[in-house]
Amino acid sequence: MVFTNNIASSILIEEDSEDDFYTTERTFSKAGMMNSLVRAKTGDEALDFLFFRGAYSANTAEKSSRDYFA
């Protein structure tokens, strides 16, 4: 199921390694992908982002514009 509002959607990446995340950023950039990357360092942080909990609960303006892919 895909819910999207625009072509260049953000991509959530759960990665605790700085090196691996940097490699992912470079790979996406070299491939010409325009998507912004949102990094979560833990699974719990990723879930907080997806369900607007914790540090992400105040992002109510972003709730209506966030894209989801499943």
N, C-alpha and C. Protein backbone atom coordinates (compact mmCIF):
# COMPACT_ATOMS: atom_id res chain seq x y z
N MET A 1 0.84 -1.18 0.00
CA MET A 1 0.00 0.00 0.00
C MET A 1 0.89 1.24 0.00
N VAL A 2 0.59 2.21 -0.82
CA VAL A 2 1.40 3.42 -0.93
C VAL A 2 0.51 4.64 -0.72
N PHE A 3 0.95 5.53 0.18
CA PHE A 3 0.30 6.81 0.38
C PHE A 3 1.37 7.86 0.11
N THR A 4 1.18 8.67 -0.89
CA THR A 4 2.20 9.67 -1.21
C THR A 4 1.56 10.96 -1.68
N ASN A 5 2.19 12.07 -1.32
CA ASN A 5 1.71 13.39 -1.71
C ASN A 5 2.58 14.04 -2.78
N ASN A 6 3.83 13.57 -2.91
CA ASN A 6 4.72 14.20 -3.87
C ASN A 6 5.74 13.19 -4.37
N ILE A 7 6.49 13.60 -5.38
CA ILE A 7 7.45 12.70 -6.00
C ILE A 7 8.67 12.47 -5.11
N ALA A 8 9.21 13.50 -4.49
CA ALA A 8 10.41 13.39 -3.68
C ALA A 8 10.03 13.21 -2.20
N SER A 9 9.61 12.04 -1.84
CA SER A 9 9.21 11.75 -0.47
C SER A 9 10.43 11.49 0.39
N SER A 10 10.29 11.73 1.70
CA SER A 10 11.36 11.40 2.64
C SER A 10 11.41 9.90 2.84
N ILE A 11 12.61 9.41 3.14
CA ILE A 11 12.80 7.99 3.40
C ILE A 11 13.34 7.84 4.81
N LEU A 12 12.66 7.05 5.62
CA LEU A 12 13.11 6.77 6.98
C LEU A 12 14.09 5.61 6.95
N ILE A 13 15.27 5.83 7.54
CA ILE A 13 16.29 4.79 7.61
C ILE A 13 16.65 4.57 9.07
N GLU A 14 16.55 3.34 9.52
CA GLU A 14 16.96 2.99 10.88
C GLU A 14 18.36 2.41 10.79
N GLU A 15 19.33 3.18 11.26
CA GLU A 15 20.73 2.77 11.16
C GLU A 15 21.53 3.37 12.32
N ASP A 16 22.19 2.52 13.09
CA ASP A 16 22.96 3.02 14.23
C ASP A 16 24.42 3.33 13.88
N SER A 17 24.88 2.86 12.74
CA SER A 17 26.26 3.08 12.33
C SER A 17 26.40 4.36 11.51
N GLU A 18 27.27 5.26 11.95
CA GLU A 18 27.53 6.50 11.21
C GLU A 18 28.06 6.17 9.81
N ASP A 19 28.99 5.23 9.73
CA ASP A 19 29.59 4.86 8.44
C ASP A 19 28.56 4.29 7.47
N ASP A 20 27.71 3.41 7.96
CA ASP A 20 26.70 2.80 7.09
C ASP A 20 25.68 3.83 6.62
N PHE A 21 25.29 4.76 7.50
CA PHE A 21 24.34 5.79 7.10
C PHE A 21 24.98 6.71 6.06
N TYR A 22 26.24 7.08 6.26
CA TYR A 22 26.95 7.92 5.30
C TYR A 22 27.03 7.22 3.94
N THR A 23 27.31 5.93 3.95
CA THR A 23 27.36 5.16 2.70
C THR A 23 26.01 5.17 2.00
N THR A 24 24.95 5.03 2.77
CA THR A 24 23.60 5.07 2.20
C THR A 24 23.31 6.43 1.57
N GLU A 25 23.66 7.50 2.29
CA GLU A 25 23.46 8.85 1.75
C GLU A 25 24.21 9.03 0.43
N ARG A 26 25.46 8.61 0.39
CA ARG A 26 26.27 8.75 -0.83
C ARG A 26 25.68 7.93 -1.97
N THR A 27 25.24 6.72 -1.67
CA THR A 27 24.67 5.87 -2.71
C THR A 27 23.41 6.49 -3.30
N PHE A 28 22.53 6.99 -2.43
CA PHE A 28 21.30 7.64 -2.91
C PHE A 28 21.64 8.87 -3.75
N SER A 29 22.61 9.65 -3.30
CA SER A 29 23.00 10.86 -4.01
C SER A 29 23.58 10.53 -5.38
N LYS A 30 24.46 9.56 -5.43
CA LYS A 30 25.07 9.15 -6.70
C LYS A 30 24.04 8.57 -7.67
N ALA A 31 22.99 7.99 -7.13
CA ALA A 31 21.93 7.43 -7.97
C ALA A 31 20.96 8.51 -8.44
N GLY A 32 21.17 9.75 -7.96
CA GLY A 32 20.32 10.86 -8.39
C GLY A 32 18.99 10.94 -7.67
N MET A 33 18.87 10.23 -6.57
CA MET A 33 17.61 10.26 -5.83
C MET A 33 17.47 11.60 -5.11
N MET A 34 16.31 12.20 -5.21
CA MET A 34 16.05 13.52 -4.64
C MET A 34 15.43 13.43 -3.24
N ASN A 35 15.18 12.23 -2.77
CA ASN A 35 14.52 12.05 -1.49
C ASN A 35 15.41 12.50 -0.34
N SER A 36 14.80 13.14 0.65
CA SER A 36 15.55 13.44 1.87
C SER A 36 15.51 12.20 2.75
N LEU A 37 16.57 12.00 3.52
CA LEU A 37 16.64 10.85 4.41
C LEU A 37 16.40 11.29 5.84
N VAL A 38 15.55 10.56 6.53
CA VAL A 38 15.30 10.78 7.95
C VAL A 38 15.95 9.61 8.67
N ARG A 39 16.86 9.91 9.59
CA ARG A 39 17.60 8.84 10.26
C ARG A 39 17.08 8.61 11.67
N ALA A 40 16.85 7.35 11.97
CA ALA A 40 16.56 6.91 13.32
C ALA A 40 17.69 5.97 13.72
N LYS A 41 18.26 6.18 14.90
CA LYS A 41 19.40 5.36 15.32
C LYS A 41 18.97 4.06 15.99
N THR A 42 17.70 3.97 16.37
CA THR A 42 17.18 2.75 17.00
C THR A 42 15.81 2.42 16.43
N GLY A 43 15.40 1.19 16.63
CA GLY A 43 14.06 0.79 16.21
C GLY A 43 12.99 1.57 16.95
N ASP A 44 13.22 1.82 18.23
CA ASP A 44 12.26 2.60 19.02
C ASP A 44 12.11 4.01 18.48
N GLU A 45 13.23 4.62 18.09
CA GLU A 45 13.18 5.96 17.52
C GLU A 45 12.42 5.96 16.19
N ALA A 46 12.62 4.93 15.39
CA ALA A 46 11.90 4.82 14.12
C ALA A 46 10.39 4.71 14.36
N LEU A 47 10.01 3.90 15.33
CA LEU A 47 8.59 3.77 15.66
C LEU A 47 8.01 5.07 16.20
N ASP A 48 8.79 5.78 17.01
CA ASP A 48 8.34 7.08 17.51
C ASP A 48 8.08 8.03 16.34
N PHE A 49 8.96 8.03 15.35
CA PHE A 49 8.78 8.88 14.17
C PHE A 49 7.51 8.50 13.42
N LEU A 50 7.32 7.21 13.20
CA LEU A 50 6.17 6.74 12.43
C LEU A 50 4.84 6.99 13.13
N PHE A 51 4.84 6.90 14.46
CA PHE A 51 3.60 7.04 15.22
C PHE A 51 3.51 8.36 15.98
N PHE A 52 4.39 9.33 15.63
CA PHE A 52 4.36 10.67 16.23
C PHE A 52 4.41 10.62 17.75
N ARG A 53 5.34 9.84 18.27
CA ARG A 53 5.49 9.73 19.72
C ARG A 53 6.81 10.37 20.15
N GLY A 54 6.98 10.55 21.46
CA GLY A 54 8.24 11.04 22.00
C GLY A 54 8.64 12.37 21.39
N ALA A 55 9.88 12.46 20.95
CA ALA A 55 10.41 13.70 20.38
C ALA A 55 9.66 14.13 19.12
N TYR A 56 8.95 13.22 18.49
CA TYR A 56 8.24 13.53 17.24
C TYR A 56 6.77 13.85 17.45
N SER A 57 6.29 13.85 18.68
CA SER A 57 4.87 14.07 18.93
C SER A 57 4.43 15.49 18.63
N ALA A 58 5.33 16.44 18.67
CA ALA A 58 4.97 17.84 18.43
C ALA A 58 4.89 18.19 16.96
N ASN A 59 5.24 17.28 16.08
CA ASN A 59 5.24 17.55 14.64
C ASN A 59 3.86 17.41 14.03
N THR A 60 2.87 18.07 14.61
CA THR A 60 1.50 17.92 14.10
C THR A 60 1.33 18.50 12.72
N ALA A 61 2.06 19.56 12.38
CA ALA A 61 1.96 20.14 11.04
C ALA A 61 2.46 19.17 9.99
N GLU A 62 3.41 18.34 10.38
CA GLU A 62 3.98 17.39 9.44
C GLU A 62 3.10 16.15 9.27
N LYS A 63 2.21 15.89 10.19
CA LYS A 63 1.39 14.69 10.15
C LYS A 63 0.60 14.55 8.86
N SER A 64 0.05 15.64 8.40
CA SER A 64 -0.79 15.56 7.21
C SER A 64 0.02 15.45 5.93
N SER A 65 1.31 15.84 5.99
CA SER A 65 2.10 15.83 4.76
C SER A 65 3.08 14.66 4.67
N ARG A 66 3.20 13.88 5.73
CA ARG A 66 4.15 12.76 5.72
C ARG A 66 3.65 11.65 4.82
N ASP A 67 4.55 11.08 4.05
CA ASP A 67 4.22 10.00 3.12
C ASP A 67 4.55 8.66 3.76
N TYR A 68 3.76 7.64 3.42
CA TYR A 68 3.98 6.30 3.97
C TYR A 68 4.00 5.27 2.86
N PHE A 69 4.93 4.36 2.99
CA PHE A 69 5.02 3.24 2.06
C PHE A 69 5.02 1.96 2.88
N ALA A 70 4.27 0.98 2.45
CA ALA A 70 4.25 -0.29 3.16
C ALA A 70 4.41 -1.43 2.17
